[in-house]
Amino acid sequence: MLKLFNKIKNKKIELLNASINNLIETFQKSNIEEWSYIFGSKKEIIKRNLIAGIFRGVGIGIGVTIITAVLVIILQKIVTLNIPIIGEYIADIVEIVQKSR
């Protein structure tokens, strides 16, 4: 009877160890430790948000500059086609942009 009790006890311990290992793996995959650190530290939250905001602002600035440059180049090409009404209007826009440089 004692052997049977020990066997059941060992099975339960093995099952418990397997469950604990599974839980540890799940926590490691979901970065619970990092999240708890972030939520626990207000300085860390401020630092991450500040850095993210700076990079978003720089990215938006670079993106708008590139898109504007491409549009100006396209408008200049359209002006060279000498389309009567559109060409004059676009020439005025290109001239305004070039003066503002």
C-alpha atoms as a PDB file:
ATOM      1  CA  MET A   1       0.000   0.000   0.000  1.00  0.00           C
ATOM      2  CA  LEU A   2       2.877   2.337   0.831  1.00  0.00           C
ATOM      3  CA  LYS A   3       4.487   1.700  -2.573  1.00  0.00           C
ATOM      4  CA  LEU A   4       1.235   2.568  -4.333  1.00  0.00           C
ATOM      5  CA  PHE A   5       0.941   5.779  -2.284  1.00  0.00           C
ATOM      6  CA  ASN A   6       4.557   6.740  -3.126  1.00  0.00           C
ATOM      7  CA  LYS A   7       3.950   5.996  -6.795  1.00  0.00           C
ATOM      8  CA  ILE A   8       0.874   8.240  -6.869  1.00  0.00           C
ATOM      9  CA  LYS A   9       2.768  10.920  -4.948  1.00  0.00           C
ATOM     10  CA  ASN A  10       5.677  10.746  -7.428  1.00  0.00           C
ATOM     11  CA  LYS A  11       3.252  10.977 -10.383  1.00  0.00           C
ATOM     12  CA  LYS A  12       1.636  14.065  -8.875  1.00  0.00           C
ATOM     13  CA  ILE A  13       5.048  15.644  -8.287  1.00  0.00           C
ATOM     14  CA  GLU A  14       6.091  14.933 -11.883  1.00  0.00           C
ATOM     15  CA  LEU A  15       2.828  16.386 -13.153  1.00  0.00           C
ATOM     16  CA  LEU A  16       3.311  19.460 -10.974  1.00  0.00           C
ATOM     17  CA  ASN A  17       6.904  19.907 -12.209  1.00  0.00           C
ATOM     18  CA  ALA A  18       5.743  19.598 -15.821  1.00  0.00           C
ATOM     19  CA  SER A  19       3.026  22.196 -15.210  1.00  0.00           C
ATOM     20  CA  ILE A  20       5.489  24.576 -13.565  1.00  0.00           C
ATOM     21  CA  ASN A  21       7.966  24.174 -16.449  1.00  0.00           C
ATOM     22  CA  ASN A  22       5.164  24.799 -18.941  1.00  0.00           C
ATOM     23  CA  LEU A  23       4.146  27.935 -17.029  1.00  0.00           C
ATOM     24  CA  ILE A  24       7.751  29.183 -16.949  1.00  0.00           C
ATOM     25  CA  GLU A  25       8.081  28.696 -20.712  1.00  0.00           C
ATOM     26  CA  THR A  26       4.813  30.545 -21.299  1.00  0.00           C
ATOM     27  CA  PHE A  27       5.961  33.487 -19.168  1.00  0.00           C
ATOM     28  CA  GLN A  28       9.299  33.621 -20.961  1.00  0.00           C
ATOM     29  CA  LYS A  29       7.645  33.619 -24.384  1.00  0.00           C
ATOM     30  CA  SER A  30       5.240  36.397 -23.443  1.00  0.00           C
ATOM     31  CA  ASN A  31       7.958  38.606 -21.884  1.00  0.00           C
ATOM     32  CA  ILE A  32       6.042  38.959 -18.626  1.00  0.00           C
ATOM     33  CA  GLU A  33       9.223  39.987 -16.826  1.00  0.00           C
ATOM     34  CA  GLU A  34       9.838  42.885 -19.227  1.00  0.00           C
ATOM     35  CA  TRP A  35       6.212  44.016 -19.057  1.00  0.00           C
ATOM     36  CA  SER A  36       6.218  43.979 -15.275  1.00  0.00           C
ATOM     37  CA  TYR A  37       9.413  46.061 -15.300  1.00  0.00           C
ATOM     38  CA  ILE A  38       7.900  48.590 -17.694  1.00  0.00           C
ATOM     39  CA  PHE A  39       4.651  48.914 -15.754  1.00  0.00           C
ATOM     40  CA  GLY A  40       6.543  49.182 -12.497  1.00  0.00           C
ATOM     41  CA  SER A  41       8.866  52.004 -13.555  1.00  0.00           C
ATOM     42  CA  LYS A  42       7.417  55.365 -14.571  1.00  0.00           C
ATOM     43  CA  LYS A  43      10.855  56.555 -15.700  1.00  0.00           C
ATOM     44  CA  GLU A  44      11.078  53.623 -18.098  1.00  0.00           C
ATOM     45  CA  ILE A  45       7.660  54.427 -19.563  1.00  0.00           C
ATOM     46  CA  ILE A  46       8.599  58.090 -20.045  1.00  0.00           C
ATOM     47  CA  LYS A  47      11.950  57.164 -21.599  1.00  0.00           C
ATOM     48  CA  ARG A  48      10.428  54.696 -24.074  1.00  0.00           C
ATOM     49  CA  ASN A  49       7.618  57.048 -25.075  1.00  0.00           C
ATOM     50  CA  LEU A  50      10.026  59.963 -25.531  1.00  0.00           C
ATOM     51  CA  ILE A  51      12.323  57.935 -27.767  1.00  0.00           C
ATOM     52  CA  ALA A  52       9.367  56.574 -29.754  1.00  0.00           C
ATOM     53  CA  GLY A  53       7.976  60.097 -30.213  1.00  0.00           C
ATOM     54  CA  ILE A  54      11.297  61.445 -31.420  1.00  0.00           C
ATOM     55  CA  PHE A  55      11.669  58.683 -33.995  1.00  0.00           C
ATOM     56  CA  ARG A  56       8.075  59.093 -35.173  1.00  0.00           C
ATOM     57  CA  GLY A  57       8.614  62.828 -35.640  1.00  0.00           C
ATOM     58  CA  VAL A  58      11.842  62.330 -37.573  1.00  0.00           C
ATOM     59  CA  GLY A  59      10.202  59.656 -39.724  1.00  0.00           C
ATOM     60  CA  ILE A  60       7.247  61.865 -40.531  1.00  0.00           C
ATOM     61  CA  GLY A  61       9.573  64.763 -41.408  1.00  0.00           C
ATOM     62  CA  ILE A  62      11.674  62.636 -43.741  1.00  0.00           C
ATOM     63  CA  GLY A  63       8.590  61.077 -45.336  1.00  0.00           C
ATOM     64  CA  VAL A  64       6.902  64.391 -46.022  1.00  0.00           C
ATOM     65  CA  THR A  65      10.121  65.804 -47.479  1.00  0.00           C
ATOM     66  CA  ILE A  66      10.540  62.873 -49.864  1.00  0.00           C
ATOM     67  CA  ILE A  67       6.904  62.922 -50.974  1.00  0.00           C
ATOM     68  CA  THR A  68       7.008  66.693 -51.539  1.00  0.00           C
ATOM     69  CA  ALA A  69      10.227  66.412 -53.565  1.00  0.00           C
ATOM     70  CA  VAL A  70       8.736  63.680 -55.752  1.00  0.00           C
ATOM     71  CA  LEU A  71       5.577  65.730 -56.320  1.00  0.00           C
ATOM     72  CA  VAL A  72       7.596  68.812 -57.290  1.00  0.00           C
ATOM     73  CA  ILE A  73       9.627  66.741 -59.770  1.00  0.00           C
ATOM     74  CA  ILE A  74       6.439  65.309 -61.284  1.00  0.00           C
ATOM     75  CA  LEU A  75       4.908  68.794 -61.534  1.00  0.00           C
ATOM     76  CA  GLN A  76       8.050  70.089 -63.261  1.00  0.00           C
ATOM     77  CA  LYS A  77       7.797  67.269 -65.810  1.00  0.00           C
ATOM     78  CA  ILE A  78       4.146  68.153 -66.444  1.00  0.00           C
ATOM     79  CA  VAL A  79       5.095  71.808 -67.016  1.00  0.00           C
ATOM     80  CA  THR A  80       7.578  70.761 -69.709  1.00  0.00           C
ATOM     81  CA  LEU A  81       4.722  69.048 -71.606  1.00  0.00           C
ATOM     82  CA  ASN A  82       3.230  72.523 -72.231  1.00  0.00           C
ATOM     83  CA  ILE A  83      -0.376  71.628 -71.481  1.00  0.00           C
ATOM     84  CA  PRO A  84      -2.095  75.044 -71.803  1.00  0.00           C
ATOM     85  CA  ILE A  85      -4.281  75.450 -68.687  1.00  0.00           C
ATOM     86  CA  ILE A  86      -2.708  72.886 -66.367  1.00  0.00           C
ATOM     87  CA  GLY A  87       0.834  73.853 -67.320  1.00  0.00           C
ATOM     88  CA  GLU A  88       0.419  77.489 -66.278  1.00  0.00           C
ATOM     89  CA  TYR A  89      -1.210  76.550 -62.985  1.00  0.00           C
ATOM     90  CA  ILE A  90       1.495  74.029 -62.158  1.00  0.00           C
ATOM     91  CA  ALA A  91       4.228  76.447 -63.246  1.00  0.00           C
ATOM     92  CA  ASP A  92       2.908  78.920 -60.688  1.00  0.00           C
ATOM     93  CA  ILE A  93       2.952  76.250 -57.969  1.00  0.00           C
ATOM     94  CA  VAL A  94       6.506  75.175 -58.842  1.00  0.00           C
ATOM     95  CA  GLU A  95       7.639  78.805 -58.886  1.00  0.00           C
ATOM     96  CA  ILE A  96       6.145  79.395 -55.424  1.00  0.00           C
ATOM     97  CA  VAL A  97       7.866  76.294 -54.051  1.00  0.00           C
ATOM     98  CA  GLN A  98      11.205  77.259 -55.540  1.00  0.00           C
ATOM     99  CA  LYS A  99      10.964  80.800 -54.134  1.00  0.00           C
ATOM    100  CA  SER A 100      10.285  79.453 -50.648  1.00  0.00           C
ATOM    101  CA  ARG A 101      13.539  77.486 -50.623  1.00  0.00           C
END
